[in-house]
Structure formats: structure tokens, C-alpha cells
Amino acid sequence: MRRLLIGTFLVALVGCFPSPARADGDSVLVGLIEYDSNGPISSFYVTNLTDAGLDPGISTDVNFTGLTFSVTDSMGNSSGPGSPIPDIPSAGNSSDVFDSVATDLVSATVTGTFDVTFVTLSDGTQVLIDPTFTATILPSFGDALLPDIDFAAIDAEIVPTATTPEPGTLLLISSALPLLGWLRRRSRPASLFSPNAAGRIASGSCYRPRSNRTA
């Protein structure tokens, strides 16, 4: 019965801890990288979708900074912009980051950083996001990228944070510890070398020799 009481109490205690709102590895959409056709020249555009009304999304104004971009063709050759890519502001702004006449591109990758990492999601939750991002376009059909069809999402990875117990939970824990200690002492047999036992041994009151039996 005592074990059942302890187990029931611990289950109720664990249930008081709030669960994390998001698990490891969660992410939120913050932008796009698109491959668009402009006649004989195809262009790659990067769009910043933070503070653009997405739900789910990030409602904080976050700029894309430190951008790099590269494409790879079917022969394994890589190329990219000849000059630095300007920062892309939030609210649906786009930037043409690279133009190409090649028709055998097999991948396109953009990397960058966020200038703000503590953000508010569209549901009002405040989270910390990883400061860097990477997105890669791969062919959806065949071996080469298709203009006006292939694109990739740019995601912000949410950094897991430790959950702090609420004040009420801490009060419950502090009040529970004496009870658990008392239950443990009740369930433990008296030690032979407790102060009372030592006193009885010293006085000889614990020692009762057996009387010899006679046949």
C-alpha cells in the first residue's frame, strides 16, 4: 500500500511539469529560392517571407544577410555571382541572386544568416532560431533543374530550450520532499546500530541467552 501511495504521488508530480512546446529538429518556413525563366536567361530569386503574414511563420522583421549562392552543372562545375549579394529585407521582398543561360544545372544552393535570432511566431510564441540557413534546389523531374517548376523552401531551425518549472510546481516539489522522506523512513527497518539500539546493547538489555534444555 505504501509503495502504491508513493507511485501515485510521483505520477501526479511528474504530470505537473509543462511539456516543451516544440521538439528537437522543428523548423519554420521563412523564405523561398526559385528558378524562373526569363527568355534565354534563367534567374534564381531568393524571397524573404518573415513578417509577411504567413501562418505558421515568423512575424518578427528578420533580414537575410551574408548571402552566398552557387549552382552546379551536370559536369560538376560550380559557378556563382561575381559580386556580393545585398541583404534581403523582410515582408516578401525578393532579390535576383544569379542569372544563367545553362540548361544542365543539377543543383542550386543558397546560404545566409538571420540578423535576428529571438523571434515571435505567428501564434505569439517566442523562440530562438539558428542564426544560419541553407537551402538547395534539386531536380523534381529528370536530371536537370526545370525553370518555373523547381524551387526550395528556406527554413529556420528552432533551437530547443530547457523548460523551467512554474513557481507552483517548485512549491509542490519542496512540500513533497519531507513526505517522501517520511515514507522512506517508515518503510526501512530499524538499524541495529541506531542510537537506541546501541544503548540497549551497552546495557545488555538486548541480550537474552537461551536456557539450556534438559532432556
Protein backbone atom coordinates (compact mmCIF):
# COMPACT_ATOMS: atom_id res chain seq x y z
CA MET A 1 0.00 0.00 0.00
CA ARG A 2 2.86 2.34 0.87
CA ARG A 3 4.55 1.68 -2.50
CA LEU A 4 1.26 2.35 -4.28
CA LEU A 5 0.93 5.65 -2.45
CA ILE A 6 4.49 6.70 -3.39
CA GLY A 7 4.00 5.69 -7.04
CA THR A 8 0.70 7.54 -7.32
CA PHE A 9 2.22 10.65 -5.79
CA LEU A 10 5.23 10.62 -8.16
CA VAL A 11 3.00 10.19 -11.23
CA ALA A 12 0.94 13.19 -10.15
CA LEU A 13 4.13 15.16 -9.51
CA VAL A 14 5.58 14.44 -12.97
CA GLY A 15 2.30 15.47 -14.56
CA CYS A 16 2.77 18.95 -13.12
CA PHE A 17 5.81 19.66 -15.30
CA PRO A 18 4.91 21.50 -18.53
CA SER A 19 5.88 19.73 -21.77
CA PRO A 20 8.11 21.54 -24.29
CA ALA A 21 6.06 23.26 -26.99
CA ARG A 22 8.42 22.05 -29.73
CA ALA A 23 10.64 19.06 -30.05
CA ASP A 24 14.19 18.94 -31.32
CA GLY A 25 14.53 19.50 -35.05
CA ASP A 26 11.39 21.66 -35.55
CA SER A 27 11.60 24.40 -38.16
CA VAL A 28 9.51 27.19 -39.62
CA LEU A 29 9.25 28.45 -43.21
CA VAL A 30 10.97 31.82 -43.69
CA GLY A 31 11.62 32.09 -47.43
CA LEU A 32 11.96 30.57 -50.89
CA ILE A 33 14.62 30.09 -53.55
CA GLU A 34 13.08 29.88 -57.03
CA TYR A 35 14.32 29.09 -60.53
CA ASP A 36 12.45 31.26 -63.06
CA SER A 37 12.64 31.55 -66.82
CA ASN A 38 13.26 34.96 -68.43
CA GLY A 39 13.55 34.08 -72.11
CA PRO A 40 17.01 32.67 -72.93
CA ILE A 41 18.23 33.60 -69.44
CA SER A 42 17.01 31.87 -66.29
CA SER A 43 17.21 33.61 -62.95
CA PHE A 44 17.36 32.47 -59.36
CA TYR A 45 15.35 34.53 -56.88
CA VAL A 46 15.50 34.47 -53.08
CA THR A 47 12.40 35.70 -51.23
CA ASN A 48 12.24 36.67 -47.55
CA LEU A 49 8.87 35.64 -46.09
CA THR A 50 9.40 36.75 -42.49
CA ASP A 51 6.87 39.36 -41.30
CA ALA A 52 4.82 38.56 -44.42
CA GLY A 53 1.66 37.22 -42.78
CA LEU A 54 2.48 33.51 -43.05
CA ASP A 55 0.69 31.21 -40.60
CA PRO A 56 2.63 29.32 -39.40
CA GLY A 57 5.51 31.70 -39.88
CA ILE A 58 7.68 34.32 -38.19
CA SER A 59 6.03 37.68 -37.50
CA THR A 60 9.30 39.34 -36.49
CA ASP A 61 11.14 41.53 -39.01
CA VAL A 62 14.20 39.39 -39.90
CA ASN A 63 16.68 40.28 -42.66
CA PHE A 64 18.66 37.75 -44.72
CA THR A 65 22.33 38.74 -44.54
CA GLY A 66 25.71 37.32 -45.57
CA LEU A 67 24.20 35.56 -48.58
CA THR A 68 26.17 33.21 -50.82
CA PHE A 69 24.88 31.37 -53.88
CA SER A 70 26.22 28.69 -56.22
CA VAL A 71 24.97 26.40 -58.97
CA THR A 72 26.38 23.09 -60.20
CA ASP A 73 26.04 21.73 -63.73
CA SER A 74 25.95 18.15 -64.99
CA MET A 75 29.75 18.11 -65.36
CA GLY A 76 30.25 19.02 -61.69
CA ASN A 77 31.35 22.59 -62.40
CA SER A 78 30.23 25.25 -59.90
CA SER A 79 29.61 28.95 -60.50
CA GLY A 80 28.00 31.86 -58.71
CA PRO A 81 27.57 35.63 -58.56
CA GLY A 82 30.63 37.74 -59.32
CA SER A 83 29.77 40.28 -56.63
CA PRO A 84 28.39 40.18 -53.07
CA ILE A 85 24.63 39.65 -52.73
CA PRO A 86 22.83 42.52 -50.97
CA ASP A 87 20.85 41.82 -47.81
CA ILE A 88 17.21 40.90 -48.40
CA PRO A 89 14.70 42.63 -46.09
CA SER A 90 11.56 41.00 -44.72
CA ALA A 91 7.87 41.24 -45.72
CA GLY A 92 8.04 39.34 -49.00
CA ASN A 93 10.98 41.14 -50.61
CA SER A 94 12.85 39.23 -53.33
CA SER A 95 16.25 39.52 -54.93
CA ASP A 96 17.65 38.16 -58.20
CA VAL A 97 20.81 36.49 -56.94
CA PHE A 98 22.06 34.81 -60.13
CA ASP A 99 21.35 34.58 -63.87
CA SER A 100 22.36 31.69 -66.10
CA VAL A 101 21.94 30.52 -69.69
CA ALA A 102 22.93 26.94 -68.83
CA THR A 103 20.28 24.25 -69.29
CA ASP A 104 22.03 21.40 -67.50
CA LEU A 105 22.09 22.73 -63.92
CA VAL A 106 21.61 19.96 -61.38
CA SER A 107 21.54 21.95 -58.13
CA ALA A 108 21.48 25.45 -56.70
CA THR A 109 22.33 26.33 -53.11
CA VAL A 110 21.88 29.49 -51.08
CA THR A 111 23.31 30.09 -47.60
CA GLY A 112 22.98 33.04 -45.26
CA THR A 113 22.39 34.32 -41.77
CA PHE A 114 19.50 35.93 -39.89
CA ASP A 115 20.15 39.32 -38.31
CA VAL A 116 17.67 38.48 -35.52
CA THR A 117 17.53 35.11 -33.76
CA PHE A 118 15.00 35.68 -30.95
CA VAL A 119 11.71 35.85 -32.84
CA THR A 120 7.96 35.72 -32.40
CA LEU A 121 5.98 33.11 -34.32
CA SER A 122 2.59 33.81 -35.87
CA ASP A 123 0.88 32.14 -32.89
CA GLY A 124 2.61 34.51 -30.46
CA THR A 125 5.19 32.00 -29.23
CA GLN A 126 8.69 33.41 -28.76
CA VAL A 127 11.56 31.11 -29.79
CA LEU A 128 15.24 31.12 -30.57
CA ILE A 129 16.27 30.18 -34.12
CA ASP A 130 19.59 29.01 -35.50
CA PRO A 131 21.43 32.04 -36.94
CA THR A 132 22.37 30.34 -40.23
CA PHE A 133 20.39 28.69 -43.01
CA THR A 134 21.00 26.63 -46.15
CA ALA A 135 18.56 25.69 -48.92
CA THR A 136 19.21 23.64 -52.06
CA ILE A 137 17.11 23.21 -55.20
CA LEU A 138 17.27 19.72 -56.71
CA PRO A 139 15.55 18.43 -59.87
CA SER A 140 11.93 17.41 -59.31
CA PHE A 141 11.87 15.58 -62.68
CA GLY A 142 14.75 14.16 -64.70
CA ASP A 143 18.39 15.09 -64.18
CA ALA A 144 18.35 18.89 -64.56
CA LEU A 145 16.59 21.80 -62.90
CA LEU A 146 13.42 22.98 -64.64
CA PRO A 147 12.72 26.73 -64.76
CA ASP A 148 9.34 27.86 -63.34
CA ILE A 149 8.95 24.44 -61.68
CA ASP A 150 11.81 23.72 -59.32
CA PHE A 151 12.23 25.64 -56.06
CA ALA A 152 13.23 25.05 -52.44
CA ALA A 153 11.97 26.26 -49.09
CA ILE A 154 14.20 28.21 -46.73
CA ASP A 155 13.58 27.12 -43.16
CA ALA A 156 14.70 28.49 -39.82
CA GLU A 157 15.61 25.78 -37.35
CA ILE A 158 14.11 26.30 -33.90
CA VAL A 159 16.65 25.87 -31.10
CA PRO A 160 15.29 23.71 -28.25
CA THR A 161 15.30 25.41 -24.87
CA ALA A 162 15.12 23.87 -21.39
CA THR A 163 11.71 24.12 -19.75
CA THR A 164 11.69 25.92 -16.38
CA PRO A 165 9.13 24.62 -13.87
CA GLU A 166 6.47 27.13 -12.86
CA PRO A 167 6.52 28.52 -9.29
CA GLY A 168 3.55 26.34 -8.32
CA THR A 169 5.41 23.23 -9.44
CA LEU A 170 8.51 24.19 -7.42
CA LEU A 171 6.33 24.74 -4.34
CA LEU A 172 4.74 21.32 -4.78
CA ILE A 173 8.16 19.67 -5.10
CA SER A 174 9.52 21.39 -1.98
CA SER A 175 6.49 20.35 0.05
CA ALA A 176 6.66 16.78 -1.27
CA LEU A 177 10.26 16.05 -0.26
CA PRO A 178 9.57 15.80 3.51
CA LEU A 179 6.64 13.45 2.82
CA LEU A 180 8.76 11.19 0.61
CA GLY A 181 11.49 11.13 3.28
CA TRP A 182 8.98 10.17 5.97
CA LEU A 183 7.52 7.39 3.80
CA ARG A 184 11.04 6.06 3.17
CA ARG A 185 11.87 6.01 6.87
CA ARG A 186 8.62 4.19 7.63
CA SER A 187 9.44 1.52 5.05
CA ARG A 188 13.05 0.98 6.33
CA PRO A 189 13.66 -1.44 9.25
CA ALA A 190 15.32 -0.05 12.35
CA SER A 191 19.09 -0.26 12.20
CA LEU A 192 20.93 -2.40 14.68
CA PHE A 193 23.34 0.46 15.26
CA SER A 194 20.78 3.23 15.79
CA PRO A 195 21.32 5.26 18.98
CA ASN A 196 18.55 3.40 20.83
CA ALA A 197 19.87 0.03 19.71
CA ALA A 198 23.41 0.96 20.75
CA GLY A 199 22.14 1.93 24.21
CA ARG A 200 20.34 -1.38 24.63
CA ILE A 201 23.45 -3.32 23.57
CA ALA A 202 25.59 -1.40 26.07
CA SER A 203 23.17 -2.11 28.92
CA GLY A 204 22.78 -5.75 27.93
CA SER A 205 19.02 -5.43 27.68
CA CYS A 206 19.07 -6.81 24.13
CA TYR A 207 20.95 -9.97 25.05
CA ARG A 208 18.92 -12.85 26.37
CA PRO A 209 20.85 -16.10 26.29
CA ARG A 210 18.88 -19.25 25.77
CA SER A 211 18.40 -21.50 28.75
CA ASN A 212 19.85 -24.97 28.37
CA ARG A 213 17.26 -27.57 27.73
CA THR A 214 17.33 -30.80 29.64
CA ALA A 215 16.29 -33.94 28.06
